[in-house]
Amino acid sequence: LLVYDNGTIEESRFENIASHLPEGAMLVFNNTRVVRA
């Protein structure tokens, strides 16, 4: 996980993403499903 925060860049792991988000943030997923098209 690359974290860009107002000009600064640091490296992390995606499993730690919560520690890089503001407390109580609301995440929005796209729940579409890929079709065997």
PDB file of all heavy atoms in Angstrom:
ATOM      1  N   LEU A   1       0.846  -1.189   0.000  1.00  0.00           N
ATOM      2  CA  LEU A   1       0.000   0.000   0.000  1.00  0.00           C
ATOM      3  C   LEU A   1       0.883   1.241   0.000  1.00  0.00           C
ATOM      4  O   LEU A   1       1.702   1.426   0.897  1.00  0.00           O
ATOM      5  CB  LEU A   1      -0.915   0.021   1.227  1.00  0.00           C
ATOM      6  CG  LEU A   1      -1.801   1.263   1.391  1.00  0.00           C
ATOM      7  CD1 LEU A   1      -2.887   1.300   0.317  1.00  0.00           C
ATOM      8  CD2 LEU A   1      -2.434   1.297   2.790  1.00  0.00           C
ATOM      9  N   LEU A   2       0.737   2.068  -1.001  1.00  0.00           N
ATOM     10  CA  LEU A   2       1.410   3.366  -1.030  1.00  0.00           C
ATOM     11  C   LEU A   2       0.444   4.383  -0.430  1.00  0.00           C
ATOM     12  O   LEU A   2      -0.707   4.486  -0.868  1.00  0.00           O
ATOM     13  CB  LEU A   2       1.776   3.749  -2.465  1.00  0.00           C
ATOM     14  CG  LEU A   2       2.536   5.067  -2.662  1.00  0.00           C
ATOM     15  CD1 LEU A   2       3.412   4.989  -3.913  1.00  0.00           C
ATOM     16  CD2 LEU A   2       1.590   6.273  -2.786  1.00  0.00           C
ATOM     17  N   VAL A   3       0.916   5.104   0.564  1.00  0.00           N
ATOM     18  CA  VAL A   3       0.084   6.121   1.208  1.00  0.00           C
ATOM     19  C   VAL A   3       0.594   7.496   0.813  1.00  0.00           C
ATOM     20  O   VAL A   3       1.740   7.865   1.133  1.00  0.00           O
ATOM     21  CB  VAL A   3       0.104   5.974   2.741  1.00  0.00           C
ATOM     22  CG1 VAL A   3      -0.775   7.046   3.386  1.00  0.00           C
ATOM     23  CG2 VAL A   3      -0.359   4.570   3.145  1.00  0.00           C
ATOM     24  N   TYR A   4      -0.245   8.242   0.097  1.00  0.00           N
ATOM     25  CA  TYR A   4       0.067   9.632  -0.263  1.00  0.00           C
ATOM     26  C   TYR A   4      -0.778  10.531   0.632  1.00  0.00           C
ATOM     27  O   TYR A   4      -2.016  10.477   0.600  1.00  0.00           O
ATOM     28  CB  TYR A   4      -0.262   9.883  -1.737  1.00  0.00           C
ATOM     29  CG  TYR A   4      -0.144  11.341  -2.140  1.00  0.00           C
ATOM     30  CD1 TYR A   4       1.070  11.866  -2.572  1.00  0.00           C
ATOM     31  CD2 TYR A   4      -1.254  12.197  -2.081  1.00  0.00           C
ATOM     32  CE1 TYR A   4       1.177  13.207  -2.930  1.00  0.00           C
ATOM     33  CE2 TYR A   4      -1.150  13.532  -2.427  1.00  0.00           C
ATOM     34  CZ  TYR A   4       0.065  14.031  -2.853  1.00  0.00           C
ATOM     35  OH  TYR A   4       0.174  15.359  -3.207  1.00  0.00           O
ATOM     36  N   ASP A   5      -0.108  11.338   1.446  1.00  0.00           N
ATOM     37  CA  ASP A   5      -0.813  12.175   2.411  1.00  0.00           C
ATOM     38  C   ASP A   5      -0.339  13.617   2.267  1.00  0.00           C
ATOM     39  O   ASP A   5       0.696  14.003   2.816  1.00  0.00           O
ATOM     40  CB  ASP A   5      -0.553  11.655   3.828  1.00  0.00           C
ATOM     41  CG  ASP A   5      -1.428  12.339   4.865  1.00  0.00           C
ATOM     42  OD1 ASP A   5      -2.049  13.377   4.551  1.00  0.00           O
ATOM     43  OD2 ASP A   5      -1.497  11.840   6.008  1.00  0.00           O
ATOM     44  N   ASN A   6      -1.082  14.386   1.457  1.00  0.00           N
ATOM     45  CA  ASN A   6      -0.785  15.808   1.280  1.00  0.00           C
ATOM     46  C   ASN A   6       0.676  16.067   0.916  1.00  0.00           C
ATOM     47  O   ASN A   6       1.326  16.941   1.463  1.00  0.00           O
ATOM     48  CB  ASN A   6      -1.147  16.583   2.552  1.00  0.00           C
ATOM     49  CG  ASN A   6      -2.636  16.577   2.813  1.00  0.00           C
ATOM     50  OD1 ASN A   6      -3.400  17.196   2.086  1.00  0.00           O
ATOM     51  ND2 ASN A   6      -3.059  15.834   3.824  1.00  0.00           N
ATOM     52  N   GLY A   7       1.191  15.268  -0.006  1.00  0.00           N
ATOM     53  CA  GLY A   7       2.541  15.490  -0.510  1.00  0.00           C
ATOM     54  C   GLY A   7       3.586  14.523   0.011  1.00  0.00           C
ATOM     55  O   GLY A   7       4.631  14.348  -0.606  1.00  0.00           O
ATOM     56  N   THR A   8       3.320  13.893   1.154  1.00  0.00           N
ATOM     57  CA  THR A   8       4.268  12.911   1.675  1.00  0.00           C
ATOM     58  C   THR A   8       3.888  11.508   1.189  1.00  0.00           C
ATOM     59  O   THR A   8       2.706  11.216   0.990  1.00  0.00           O
ATOM     60  CB  THR A   8       4.298  12.911   3.211  1.00  0.00           C
ATOM     61  OG1 THR A   8       3.019  12.485   3.707  1.00  0.00           O
ATOM     62  CG2 THR A   8       4.614  14.298   3.734  1.00  0.00           C
ATOM     63  N   ILE A   9       4.895  10.660   0.999  1.00  0.00           N
ATOM     64  CA  ILE A   9       4.682   9.302   0.504  1.00  0.00           C
ATOM     65  C   ILE A   9       5.341   8.323   1.452  1.00  0.00           C
ATOM     66  O   ILE A   9       6.499   8.504   1.849  1.00  0.00           O
ATOM     67  CB  ILE A   9       5.265   9.124  -0.916  1.00  0.00           C
ATOM     68  CG1 ILE A   9       4.536  10.045  -1.910  1.00  0.00           C
ATOM     69  CG2 ILE A   9       5.160   7.669  -1.372  1.00  0.00           C
ATOM     70  CD1 ILE A   9       5.140  10.038  -3.300  1.00  0.00           C
ATOM     71  N   GLU A  10       4.609   7.292   1.839  1.00  0.00           N
ATOM     72  CA  GLU A  10       5.190   6.219   2.629  1.00  0.00           C
ATOM     73  C   GLU A  10       4.635   4.881   2.158  1.00  0.00           C
ATOM     74  O   GLU A  10       3.611   4.820   1.482  1.00  0.00           O
ATOM     75  CB  GLU A  10       4.918   6.414   4.118  1.00  0.00           C
ATOM     76  CG  GLU A  10       3.449   6.338   4.520  1.00  0.00           C
ATOM     77  CD  GLU A  10       3.268   6.415   6.025  1.00  0.00           C
ATOM     78  OE1 GLU A  10       3.823   5.512   6.720  1.00  0.00           O
ATOM     79  OE2 GLU A  10       2.587   7.342   6.507  1.00  0.00           O
ATOM     80  N   GLU A  11       5.322   3.818   2.534  1.00  0.00           N
ATOM     81  CA  GLU A  11       4.927   2.472   2.113  1.00  0.00           C
ATOM     82  C   GLU A  11       4.381   1.699   3.295  1.00  0.00           C
ATOM     83  O   GLU A  11       4.892   1.782   4.408  1.00  0.00           O
ATOM     84  CB  GLU A  11       6.135   1.743   1.521  1.00  0.00           C
ATOM     85  CG  GLU A  11       5.824   0.365   0.977  1.00  0.00           C
ATOM     86  CD  GLU A  11       7.041  -0.278   0.339  1.00  0.00           C
ATOM     87  OE1 GLU A  11       7.858   0.455  -0.259  1.00  0.00           O
ATOM     88  OE2 GLU A  11       7.185  -1.509   0.449  1.00  0.00           O
ATOM     89  N   SER A  12       3.310   0.946   3.050  1.00  0.00           N
ATOM     90  CA  SER A  12       2.694   0.145   4.099  1.00  0.00           C
ATOM     91  C   SER A  12       2.172  -1.152   3.475  1.00  0.00           C
ATOM     92  O   SER A  12       2.531  -1.488   2.353  1.00  0.00           O
ATOM     93  CB  SER A  12       1.562   0.941   4.769  1.00  0.00           C
ATOM     94  OG  SER A  12       1.001   0.235   5.860  1.00  0.00           O
ATOM     95  N   ARG A  13       1.321  -1.861   4.209  1.00  0.00           N
ATOM     96  CA  ARG A  13       0.630  -3.047   3.710  1.00  0.00           C
ATOM     97  C   ARG A  13      -0.871  -2.782   3.740  1.00  0.00           C
ATOM     98  O   ARG A  13      -1.376  -2.094   4.640  1.00  0.00           O
ATOM     99  CB  ARG A  13       0.947  -4.274   4.575  1.00  0.00           C
ATOM    100  CG  ARG A  13       2.375  -4.766   4.443  1.00  0.00           C
ATOM    101  CD  ARG A  13       2.569  -5.535   3.154  1.00  0.00           C
ATOM    102  NE  ARG A  13       3.956  -5.908   2.943  1.00  0.00           N
ATOM    103  CZ  ARG A  13       4.411  -6.499   1.843  1.00  0.00           C
ATOM    104  NH1 ARG A  13       3.575  -6.782   0.861  1.00  0.00           N
ATOM    105  NH2 ARG A  13       5.692  -6.787   1.718  1.00  0.00           N
ATOM    106  N   PHE A  14      -1.577  -3.369   2.801  1.00  0.00           N
ATOM    107  CA  PHE A  14      -3.009  -3.070   2.731  1.00  0.00           C
ATOM    108  C   PHE A  14      -3.731  -3.501   4.002  1.00  0.00           C
ATOM    109  O   PHE A  14      -4.697  -2.839   4.421  1.00  0.00           O
ATOM    110  CB  PHE A  14      -3.643  -3.750   1.517  1.00  0.00           C
ATOM    111  CG  PHE A  14      -4.969  -3.141   1.162  1.00  0.00           C
ATOM    112  CD1 PHE A  14      -5.049  -2.026   0.346  1.00  0.00           C
ATOM    113  CD2 PHE A  14      -6.147  -3.658   1.691  1.00  0.00           C
ATOM    114  CE1 PHE A  14      -6.271  -1.437   0.055  1.00  0.00           C
ATOM    115  CE2 PHE A  14      -7.371  -3.080   1.397  1.00  0.00           C
ATOM    116  CZ  PHE A  14      -7.429  -1.968   0.576  1.00  0.00           C
ATOM    117  N   GLU A  15      -3.287  -4.567   4.624  1.00  0.00           N
ATOM    118  CA  GLU A  15      -3.933  -5.041   5.844  1.00  0.00           C
ATOM    119  C   GLU A  15      -3.868  -3.999   6.961  1.00  0.00           C
ATOM    120  O   GLU A  15      -4.624  -4.076   7.936  1.00  0.00           O
ATOM    121  CB  GLU A  15      -3.288  -6.346   6.310  1.00  0.00           C
ATOM    122  CG  GLU A  15      -1.810  -6.224   6.621  1.00  0.00           C
ATOM    123  CD  GLU A  15      -1.148  -7.574   6.839  1.00  0.00           C
ATOM    124  OE1 GLU A  15      -1.880  -8.581   6.973  1.00  0.00           O
ATOM    125  OE2 GLU A  15       0.099  -7.624   6.873  1.00  0.00           O
ATOM    126  N   ASN A  16      -2.983  -2.992   6.814  1.00  0.00           N
ATOM    127  CA  ASN A  16      -2.850  -1.933   7.820  1.00  0.00           C
ATOM    128  C   ASN A  16      -3.542  -0.640   7.413  1.00  0.00           C
ATOM    129  O   ASN A  16      -3.296   0.412   8.015  1.00  0.00           O
ATOM    130  CB  ASN A  16      -1.367  -1.648   8.066  1.00  0.00           C
ATOM    131  CG  ASN A  16      -0.618  -2.861   8.577  1.00  0.00           C
ATOM    132  OD1 ASN A  16      -1.144  -3.632   9.376  1.00  0.00           O
ATOM    133  ND2 ASN A  16       0.605  -3.045   8.100  1.00  0.00           N
ATOM    134  N   ILE A  17      -4.415  -0.712   6.419  1.00  0.00           N
ATOM    135  CA  ILE A  17      -4.984   0.529   5.869  1.00  0.00           C
ATOM    136  C   ILE A  17      -5.762   1.325   6.914  1.00  0.00           C
ATOM    137  O   ILE A  17      -5.797   2.559   6.865  1.00  0.00           O
ATOM    138  CB  ILE A  17      -5.875   0.224   4.638  1.00  0.00           C
ATOM    139  CG1 ILE A  17      -6.200   1.536   3.908  1.00  0.00           C
ATOM    140  CG2 ILE A  17      -7.135  -0.561   5.007  1.00  0.00           C
ATOM    141  CD1 ILE A  17      -6.799   1.346   2.540  1.00  0.00           C
ATOM    142  N   ALA A  18      -6.364   0.653   7.873  1.00  0.00           N
ATOM    143  CA  ALA A  18      -7.153   1.362   8.890  1.00  0.00           C
ATOM    144  C   ALA A  18      -6.318   2.386   9.650  1.00  0.00           C
ATOM    145  O   ALA A  18      -6.815   3.452  10.033  1.00  0.00           O
ATOM    146  CB  ALA A  18      -7.774   0.360   9.861  1.00  0.00           C
ATOM    147  N   SER A  19      -5.038   2.077   9.859  1.00  0.00           N
ATOM    148  CA  SER A  19      -4.175   2.991  10.615  1.00  0.00           C
ATOM    149  C   SER A  19      -3.828   4.243   9.820  1.00  0.00           C
ATOM    150  O   SER A  19      -3.299   5.201  10.381  1.00  0.00           O
ATOM    151  CB  SER A  19      -2.890   2.268  11.027  1.00  0.00           C
ATOM    152  OG  SER A  19      -2.138   1.879   9.894  1.00  0.00           O
ATOM    153  N   HIS A  20      -4.136   4.257   8.538  1.00  0.00           N
ATOM    154  CA  HIS A  20      -3.843   5.415   7.700  1.00  0.00           C
ATOM    155  C   HIS A  20      -5.095   6.226   7.349  1.00  0.00           C
ATOM    156  O   HIS A  20      -5.007   7.207   6.610  1.00  0.00           O
ATOM    157  CB  HIS A  20      -3.158   4.964   6.403  1.00  0.00           C
ATOM    158  CG  HIS A  20      -1.876   4.217   6.617  1.00  0.00           C
ATOM    159  ND1 HIS A  20      -0.716   4.843   7.027  1.00  0.00           N
ATOM    160  CD2 HIS A  20      -1.582   2.901   6.510  1.00  0.00           C
ATOM    161  CE1 HIS A  20       0.244   3.936   7.146  1.00  0.00           C
ATOM    162  NE2 HIS A  20      -0.249   2.760   6.840  1.00  0.00           N
ATOM    163  N   LEU A  21      -6.246   5.807   7.890  1.00  0.00           N
ATOM    164  CA  LEU A  21      -7.497   6.511   7.619  1.00  0.00           C
ATOM    165  C   LEU A  21      -7.959   7.276   8.854  1.00  0.00           C
ATOM    166  O   LEU A  21      -7.680   6.867   9.979  1.00  0.00           O
ATOM    167  CB  LEU A  21      -8.586   5.506   7.211  1.00  0.00           C
ATOM    168  CG  LEU A  21      -8.447   4.876   5.825  1.00  0.00           C
ATOM    169  CD1 LEU A  21      -9.447   3.732   5.654  1.00  0.00           C
ATOM    170  CD2 LEU A  21      -8.655   5.920   4.735  1.00  0.00           C
ATOM    171  N   PRO A  22      -8.678   8.376   8.646  1.00  0.00           N
ATOM    172  CA  PRO A  22      -9.198   9.125   9.799  1.00  0.00           C
ATOM    173  C   PRO A  22     -10.185   8.269  10.590  1.00  0.00           C
ATOM    174  O   PRO A  22     -10.894   7.425  10.034  1.00  0.00           O
ATOM    175  CB  PRO A  22      -9.908  10.322   9.145  1.00  0.00           C
ATOM    176  CG  PRO A  22      -9.376  10.393   7.764  1.00  0.00           C
ATOM    177  CD  PRO A  22      -9.020   9.008   7.362  1.00  0.00           C
ATOM    178  N   GLU A  23     -10.240   8.494  11.867  1.00  0.00           N
ATOM    179  CA  GLU A  23     -11.160   7.762  12.733  1.00  0.00           C
ATOM    180  C   GLU A  23     -12.597   7.951  12.248  1.00  0.00           C
ATOM    181  O   GLU A  23     -13.033   9.064  11.937  1.00  0.00           O
ATOM    182  CB  GLU A  23     -11.022   8.277  14.169  1.00  0.00           C
ATOM    183  CG  GLU A  23     -11.866   7.525  15.178  1.00  0.00           C
ATOM    184  CD  GLU A  23     -11.640   8.024  16.592  1.00  0.00           C
ATOM    185  OE1 GLU A  23     -10.614   8.705  16.832  1.00  0.00           O
ATOM    186  OE2 GLU A  23     -12.500   7.733  17.454  1.00  0.00           O
ATOM    187  N   GLY A  24     -13.337   6.850  12.170  1.00  0.00           N
ATOM    188  CA  GLY A  24     -14.743   6.922  11.777  1.00  0.00           C
ATOM    189  C   GLY A  24     -14.987   7.169  10.307  1.00  0.00           C
ATOM    190  O   GLY A  24     -16.107   7.527   9.913  1.00  0.00           O
ATOM    191  N   ALA A  25     -13.981   6.972   9.465  1.00  0.00           N
ATOM    192  CA  ALA A  25     -14.163   7.192   8.026  1.00  0.00           C
ATOM    193  C   ALA A  25     -15.217   6.238   7.462  1.00  0.00           C
ATOM    194  O   ALA A  25     -15.413   5.129   7.963  1.00  0.00           O
ATOM    195  CB  ALA A  25     -12.835   7.000   7.294  1.00  0.00           C
ATOM    196  N   MET A  26     -15.906   6.690   6.414  1.00  0.00           N
ATOM    197  CA  MET A  26     -16.938   5.899   5.755  1.00  0.00           C
ATOM    198  C   MET A  26     -16.403   5.434   4.400  1.00  0.00           C
ATOM    199  O   MET A  26     -16.144   6.248   3.513  1.00  0.00           O
ATOM    200  CB  MET A  26     -18.201   6.748   5.554  1.00  0.00           C
ATOM    201  CG  MET A  26     -19.288   6.101   4.714  1.00  0.00           C
ATOM    202  SD  MET A  26     -20.102   4.726   5.537  1.00  0.00           S
ATOM    203  CE  MET A  26     -21.055   5.588   6.790  1.00  0.00           C
ATOM    204  N   LEU A  27     -16.217   4.127   4.240  1.00  0.00           N
ATOM    205  CA  LEU A  27     -15.712   3.576   2.991  1.00  0.00           C
ATOM    206  C   LEU A  27     -16.883   3.169   2.093  1.00  0.00           C
ATOM    207  O   LEU A  27     -17.874   2.605   2.578  1.00  0.00           O
ATOM    208  CB  LEU A  27     -14.817   2.356   3.242  1.00  0.00           C
ATOM    209  CG  LEU A  27     -13.417   2.630   3.796  1.00  0.00           C
ATOM    210  CD1 LEU A  27     -13.449   2.946   5.283  1.00  0.00           C
ATOM    211  CD2 LEU A  27     -12.491   1.448   3.534  1.00  0.00           C
ATOM    212  N   VAL A  28     -16.764   3.450   0.811  1.00  0.00           N
ATOM    213  CA  VAL A  28     -17.838   3.140  -0.140  1.00  0.00           C
ATOM    214  C   VAL A  28     -17.331   2.133  -1.162  1.00  0.00           C
ATOM    215  O   VAL A  28     -16.395   2.407  -1.916  1.00  0.00           O
ATOM    216  CB  VAL A  28     -18.349   4.406  -0.848  1.00  0.00           C
ATOM    217  CG1 VAL A  28     -19.506   4.052  -1.789  1.00  0.00           C
ATOM    218  CG2 VAL A  28     -18.802   5.444   0.183  1.00  0.00           C
ATOM    219  N   PHE A  29     -17.968   0.956  -1.172  1.00  0.00           N
ATOM    220  CA  PHE A  29     -17.626  -0.114  -2.099  1.00  0.00           C
ATOM    221  C   PHE A  29     -18.510  -0.056  -3.345  1.00  0.00           C
ATOM    222  O   PHE A  29     -19.670   0.387  -3.276  1.00  0.00           O
ATOM    223  CB  PHE A  29     -17.860  -1.487  -1.453  1.00  0.00           C
ATOM    224  CG  PHE A  29     -16.922  -1.837  -0.340  1.00  0.00           C
ATOM    225  CD1 PHE A  29     -17.376  -2.548   0.763  1.00  0.00           C
ATOM    226  CD2 PHE A  29     -15.586  -1.487  -0.392  1.00  0.00           C
ATOM    227  CE1 PHE A  29     -16.523  -2.912   1.790  1.00  0.00           C
ATOM    228  CE2 PHE A  29     -14.711  -1.838   0.634  1.00  0.00           C
ATOM    229  CZ  PHE A  29     -15.186  -2.555   1.726  1.00  0.00           C
ATOM    230  N   ASN A  30     -17.989  -0.540  -4.448  1.00  0.00           N
ATOM    231  CA  ASN A  30     -18.797  -0.823  -5.635  1.00  0.00           C
ATOM    232  C   ASN A  30     -19.085  -2.322  -5.616  1.00  0.00           C
ATOM    233  O   ASN A  30     -18.190  -3.135  -5.809  1.00  0.00           O
ATOM    234  CB  ASN A  30     -18.044  -0.441  -6.908  1.00  0.00           C
ATOM    235  CG  ASN A  30     -18.854  -0.753  -8.166  1.00  0.00           C
ATOM    236  OD1 ASN A  30     -20.020  -1.129  -8.096  1.00  0.00           O
ATOM    237  ND2 ASN A  30     -18.229  -0.610  -9.317  1.00  0.00           N
ATOM    238  N   ASN A  31     -20.341  -2.687  -5.377  1.00  0.00           N
ATOM    239  CA  ASN A  31     -20.683  -4.093  -5.177  1.00  0.00           C
ATOM    240  C   ASN A  31     -21.055  -4.826  -6.464  1.00  0.00           C
ATOM    241  O   ASN A  31     -21.714  -5.872  -6.424  1.00  0.00           O
ATOM    242  CB  ASN A  31     -21.800  -4.237  -4.139  1.00  0.00           C
ATOM    243  CG  ASN A  31     -23.076  -3.512  -4.547  1.00  0.00           C
ATOM    244  OD1 ASN A  31     -23.270  -3.186  -5.719  1.00  0.00           O
ATOM    245  ND2 ASN A  31     -23.944  -3.258  -3.588  1.00  0.00           N
ATOM    246  N   THR A  32     -20.651  -4.288  -7.604  1.00  0.00           N
ATOM    247  CA  THR A  32     -20.915  -4.985  -8.861  1.00  0.00           C
ATOM    248  C   THR A  32     -20.174  -6.317  -8.909  1.00  0.00           C
ATOM    249  O   THR A  32     -19.139  -6.487  -8.262  1.00  0.00           O
ATOM    250  CB  THR A  32     -20.503  -4.118 -10.063  1.00  0.00           C
ATOM    251  OG1 THR A  32     -20.946  -4.740 -11.276  1.00  0.00           O
ATOM    252  CG2 THR A  32     -18.999  -3.932 -10.130  1.00  0.00           C
ATOM    253  N   ARG A  33     -20.718  -7.239  -9.673  1.00  0.00           N
ATOM    254  CA  ARG A  33     -20.110  -8.559  -9.830  1.00  0.00           C
ATOM    255  C   ARG A  33     -19.737  -8.767 -11.292  1.00  0.00           C
ATOM    256  O   ARG A  33     -20.520  -8.452 -12.196  1.00  0.00           O
ATOM    257  CB  ARG A  33     -21.081  -9.649  -9.371  1.00  0.00           C
ATOM    258  CG  ARG A  33     -20.485 -11.049  -9.381  1.00  0.00           C
ATOM    259  CD  ARG A  33     -21.424 -12.058  -8.727  1.00  0.00           C
ATOM    260  NE  ARG A  33     -20.814 -13.384  -8.695  1.00  0.00           N
ATOM    261  CZ  ARG A  33     -19.947 -13.778  -7.783  1.00  0.00           C
ATOM    262  NH1 ARG A  33     -19.604 -12.962  -6.799  1.00  0.00           N
ATOM    263  NH2 ARG A  33     -19.417 -14.985  -7.837  1.00  0.00           N
ATOM    264  N   VAL A  34     -18.540  -9.289 -11.535  1.00  0.00           N
ATOM    265  CA  VAL A  34     -18.082  -9.530 -12.900  1.00  0.00           C
ATOM    266  C   VAL A  34     -18.834 -10.723 -13.487  1.00  0.00           C
ATOM    267  O   VAL A  34     -18.949 -11.780 -12.863  1.00  0.00           O
ATOM    268  CB  VAL A  34     -16.569  -9.792 -12.938  1.00  0.00           C
ATOM    269  CG1 VAL A  34     -16.103 -10.017 -14.378  1.00  0.00           C
ATOM    270  CG2 VAL A  34     -15.811  -8.622 -12.319  1.00  0.00           C
ATOM    271  N   VAL A  35     -19.338 -10.522 -14.685  1.00  0.00           N
ATOM    272  CA  VAL A  35     -20.086 -11.558 -15.391  1.00  0.00           C
ATOM    273  C   VAL A  35     -19.124 -12.423 -16.204  1.00  0.00           C
ATOM    274  O   VAL A  35     -18.126 -11.931 -16.736  1.00  0.00           O
ATOM    275  CB  VAL A  35     -21.114 -10.905 -16.345  1.00  0.00           C
ATOM    276  CG1 VAL A  35     -21.918 -11.965 -17.072  1.00  0.00           C
ATOM    277  CG2 VAL A  35     -22.018  -9.965 -15.580  1.00  0.00           C
ATOM    278  N   ARG A  36     -19.433 -13.689 -16.323  1.00  0.00           N
ATOM    279  CA  ARG A  36     -18.659 -14.572 -17.224  1.00  0.00           C
ATOM    280  C   ARG A  36     -19.075 -14.238 -18.653  1.00  0.00           C
ATOM    281  O   ARG A  36     -19.798 -14.993 -19.313  1.00  0.00           O
ATOM    282  CB  ARG A  36     -18.928 -16.034 -16.900  1.00  0.00           C
ATOM    283  CG  ARG A  36     -18.455 -16.451 -15.515  1.00  0.00           C
ATOM    284  CD  ARG A  36     -18.755 -17.929 -15.293  1.00  0.00           C
ATOM    285  NE  ARG A  36     -18.342 -18.361 -13.982  1.00  0.00           N
ATOM    286  CZ  ARG A  36     -17.499 -19.366 -13.754  1.00  0.00           C
ATOM    287  NH1 ARG A  36     -16.976 -20.038 -14.758  1.00  0.00           N
ATOM    288  NH2 ARG A  36     -17.182 -19.714 -12.524  1.00  0.00           N
ATOM    289  N   ALA A  37     -18.598 -13.099 -19.113  1.00  0.00           N
ATOM    290  CA  ALA A  37     -19.165 -12.471 -20.314  1.00  0.00           C
ATOM    291  C   ALA A  37     -18.562 -12.950 -21.627  1.00  0.00           C
ATOM    292  O   ALA A  37     -19.048 -12.591 -22.693  1.00  0.00           O
ATOM    293  CB  ALA A  37     -19.000 -10.948 -20.209  1.00  0.00           C
TER     294      ALA A  37
END
